[in-house]
N, C-alpha and C. Protein backbone atom coordinates (compact mmCIF):
# COMPACT_ATOMS: atom_id res chain seq x y z
N MET A 1 101.78 101.38 83.43
CA MET A 1 101.57 102.82 84.61
C MET A 1 100.89 101.63 85.50
N GLU A 2 100.20 101.25 85.61
CA GLU A 2 99.08 100.18 85.21
C GLU A 2 99.06 99.42 86.45
N LEU A 3 100.92 99.28 86.36
CA LEU A 3 101.51 97.96 86.95
C LEU A 3 101.72 98.34 88.30
N GLN A 4 102.67 99.42 87.54
CA GLN A 4 103.28 100.41 88.63
C GLN A 4 102.35 100.55 89.92
N SER A 5 100.91 101.30 89.51
CA SER A 5 100.15 101.85 91.15
C SER A 5 99.40 100.40 91.26
N THR A 6 99.35 99.08 90.75
CA THR A 6 98.71 98.44 91.55
C THR A 6 99.61 97.29 92.15
N GLY A 7 101.60 97.42 92.28
CA GLY A 7 101.98 96.92 92.76
C GLY A 7 102.36 98.46 94.19
N HIS A 8 102.08 99.61 94.30
CA HIS A 8 102.42 100.54 95.52
C HIS A 8 101.71 100.36 96.02
N LEU A 9 100.09 100.72 95.92
CA LEU A 9 98.46 99.90 95.93
C LEU A 9 99.02 98.63 96.84
N LEU A 10 99.60 97.63 96.56
CA LEU A 10 99.85 96.56 96.92
C LEU A 10 100.46 96.47 97.93
N GLU A 11 102.09 97.40 98.24
CA GLU A 11 102.90 96.68 98.99
C GLU A 11 102.55 97.54 99.84
N GLU A 12 101.24 99.46 100.66
CA GLU A 12 101.05 99.48 101.39
C GLU A 12 99.89 98.77 102.22
N GLN A 13 99.12 98.04 101.39
CA GLN A 13 97.75 97.60 101.78
C GLN A 13 97.99 96.12 102.54
N LEU A 14 99.36 95.52 101.49
CA LEU A 14 98.78 94.37 101.66
C LEU A 14 101.31 93.55 101.62
N PRO A 15 101.68 94.66 103.20
CA PRO A 15 103.24 93.93 102.72
C PRO A 15 103.11 92.58 102.58
N GLU A 16 102.53 91.60 102.82
CA GLU A 16 102.87 89.89 103.58
C GLU A 16 102.75 89.15 101.99
N MET A 17 101.84 90.22 101.68
CA MET A 17 101.38 89.56 100.43
C MET A 17 102.12 89.59 99.28
N MET A 18 103.12 90.77 99.33
CA MET A 18 103.77 91.29 98.32
C MET A 18 104.64 90.93 98.59
N THR A 19 105.52 90.07 100.10
CA THR A 19 106.74 89.63 100.46
C THR A 19 106.45 87.97 99.46
N GLU A 20 105.33 87.39 99.91
CA GLU A 20 105.52 86.08 99.27
C GLU A 20 105.50 86.63 97.75
N LEU A 21 104.64 87.26 96.44
CA LEU A 21 103.95 87.66 95.73
C LEU A 21 106.20 87.46 94.41
N LEU A 22 106.81 88.81 95.42
CA LEU A 22 108.42 89.01 94.88
C LEU A 22 109.34 87.50 95.76
N ALA A 23 108.67 86.79 95.81
CA ALA A 23 109.96 85.48 96.67
C ALA A 23 109.40 84.09 95.52
N THR A 24 107.50 83.83 95.09
CA THR A 24 107.43 83.32 93.72
C THR A 24 107.64 84.04 92.76
N ALA A 25 108.19 85.23 92.50
CA ALA A 25 108.49 85.98 91.12
C ALA A 25 109.84 85.32 91.27
N ARG A 26 110.81 85.49 92.54
CA ARG A 26 112.31 84.96 92.29
C ARG A 26 112.25 83.67 91.83
N ASP A 27 112.11 82.46 92.86
CA ASP A 27 111.85 81.23 92.41
C ASP A 27 111.01 80.93 90.75
N LYS A 28 110.55 81.20 90.27
CA LYS A 28 110.30 81.22 89.08
C LYS A 28 111.04 81.83 87.76
N MET A 29 110.99 83.36 88.56
CA MET A 29 112.78 83.98 87.02
C MET A 29 114.01 82.17 86.87
N LEU A 30 114.20 81.54 88.15
CA LEU A 30 115.53 80.73 87.97
C LEU A 30 114.45 79.52 88.05
N CYS A 31 113.98 78.89 87.10
CA CYS A 31 113.27 77.80 86.66
C CYS A 31 113.30 77.78 85.51
N PRO A 32 114.45 76.52 84.91
CA PRO A 32 114.48 76.61 83.21
C PRO A 32 113.89 76.33 82.69
N ALA A 33 112.03 76.12 83.10
CA ALA A 33 111.00 75.15 82.55
C ALA A 33 110.10 76.34 82.10
N GLU A 34 110.30 77.61 82.61
CA GLU A 34 109.68 78.66 82.44
C GLU A 34 110.21 79.36 81.21
N SER A 35 109.15 80.03 80.30
CA SER A 35 109.40 80.50 79.26
C SER A 35 110.74 82.50 78.95
N GLN A 36 110.69 82.35 78.24
CA GLN A 36 111.80 83.68 78.43
C GLN A 36 110.81 84.86 78.41
N LEU A 37 110.00 84.72 77.79
CA LEU A 37 109.11 85.72 78.00
C LEU A 37 109.02 85.54 79.75
N THR A 38 107.85 85.20 80.13
CA THR A 38 107.99 84.95 81.28
C THR A 38 109.33 85.12 82.26
N ARG A 39 110.05 84.87 81.93
CA ARG A 39 110.77 85.83 82.93
C ARG A 39 111.46 87.10 82.74
N SER A 40 111.58 87.45 81.32
CA SER A 40 111.44 88.62 80.55
C SER A 40 110.65 89.74 82.05
N LEU A 41 109.40 89.55 81.52
CA LEU A 41 107.94 90.13 82.66
C LEU A 41 108.06 90.05 84.09
N LEU A 42 108.47 89.09 84.34
CA LEU A 42 108.77 89.09 86.07
C LEU A 42 109.57 90.14 86.59
N MET A 43 111.18 89.55 85.76
CA MET A 43 112.38 91.31 85.65
C MET A 43 111.74 92.08 85.77
N GLU A 44 111.21 91.70 85.15
CA GLU A 44 110.22 94.28 85.23
C GLU A 44 109.94 94.27 85.86
N VAL A 45 108.99 93.18 86.50
CA VAL A 45 108.60 94.30 88.15
C VAL A 45 109.16 93.58 89.00
N ILE A 46 109.66 92.62 88.82
CA ILE A 46 110.73 92.59 90.65
C ILE A 46 111.93 94.14 90.32
N GLU A 47 112.44 94.81 89.09
CA GLU A 47 112.35 96.46 88.30
C GLU A 47 111.68 96.71 89.00
N LEU A 48 111.50 97.66 88.93
CA LEU A 48 109.94 98.18 89.16
C LEU A 48 109.73 98.02 91.11
N ARG A 49 109.45 97.10 91.57
CA ARG A 49 109.62 97.17 93.13
C ARG A 49 110.78 97.31 93.78
N ALA A 50 111.76 97.13 92.93
CA ALA A 50 113.29 97.99 93.80
C ALA A 50 113.52 99.14 93.14
N HIS A 51 112.40 99.77 92.58
CA HIS A 51 112.52 101.68 91.72
C HIS A 51 111.37 102.06 92.53
N HIS A 52 111.17 101.18 94.25
CA HIS A 52 109.61 102.05 94.53
C HIS A 52 108.45 102.17 93.65
N TRP A 53 107.87 101.24 92.79
CA TRP A 53 106.94 101.32 92.03
C TRP A 53 106.66 102.45 91.59
N THR A 54 107.90 103.55 91.47
CA THR A 54 107.88 104.25 90.17
C THR A 54 108.31 104.47 88.78
N PRO A 55 109.20 105.59 88.08
CA PRO A 55 108.26 104.94 86.49
C PRO A 55 110.06 104.58 86.38
N LEU A 56 110.73 103.02 85.15
CA LEU A 56 111.69 103.13 85.33
C LEU A 56 112.45 104.16 84.56
N GLU A 57 113.33 103.48 83.57
CA GLU A 57 114.57 104.75 82.93
C GLU A 57 113.85 104.49 82.00
N ALA A 58 114.14 105.42 80.84
CA ALA A 58 113.46 105.26 79.85
C ALA A 58 114.59 104.24 78.97
N LEU A 59 115.74 103.98 79.68
CA LEU A 59 116.80 103.05 78.65
C LEU A 59 115.94 101.93 78.54
N THR A 60 115.77 101.31 80.09
CA THR A 60 115.10 100.33 80.77
C THR A 60 114.11 99.77 80.24
N THR A 61 113.02 100.47 80.06
CA THR A 61 111.75 100.42 79.58
C THR A 61 111.58 100.23 78.60
N GLN A 62 112.89 100.58 76.91
CA GLN A 62 113.12 100.25 76.37
C GLN A 62 113.07 99.41 75.89
N TYR A 63 114.18 98.79 77.00
CA TYR A 63 114.70 97.16 76.78
C TYR A 63 113.25 96.32 76.81
N TYR A 64 113.09 96.28 77.66
CA TYR A 64 112.22 95.42 78.09
C TYR A 64 110.83 95.95 77.27
N ASN A 65 110.47 96.69 76.55
CA ASN A 65 109.55 96.69 75.03
C ASN A 65 109.89 96.10 74.69
N ARG A 66 111.29 95.87 73.68
CA ARG A 66 111.57 95.63 72.61
C ARG A 66 112.21 93.98 72.92
N THR A 67 112.31 93.07 74.32
CA THR A 67 112.52 92.25 74.07
C THR A 67 111.80 91.24 74.44
N ILE A 68 110.53 92.15 74.83
CA ILE A 68 108.69 91.44 74.97
C ILE A 68 108.75 91.51 73.19
N GLN A 69 108.76 92.46 72.72
CA GLN A 69 107.91 92.95 71.66
C GLN A 69 109.26 91.45 70.57
N LYS A 70 110.07 91.41 70.69
CA LYS A 70 110.97 89.95 70.24
C LYS A 70 110.64 88.95 70.49
N LEU A 71 110.30 89.20 71.39
CA LEU A 71 109.52 87.25 71.97
C LEU A 71 108.93 86.94 72.12
N THR A 72 107.39 87.73 71.72
CA THR A 72 106.63 87.27 71.43
C THR A 72 105.71 87.49 69.54
N THR A 73 107.01 87.69 68.40
CA THR A 73 106.93 87.79 67.66
C THR A 73 107.58 87.26 66.87
N THR A 74 108.65 86.07 67.72
CA THR A 74 109.59 84.57 66.76
C THR A 74 108.70 83.53 67.22
């Protein structure tokens, strides 16, 4: 929820910074040196932005929760 409100606020107040931030996130997503956890978290941010910072569907949220839990416990 905090990520959604912060993302929405940043998108409104500093759109150029948000564009740069997402370009960096895309670059990190494609970098094989980044961990699976980092890529999963970045993908969630990208999806939230694609949904205009509104909550993701329950199944999508469950997917990220399970993925992050699995990646942090192994």
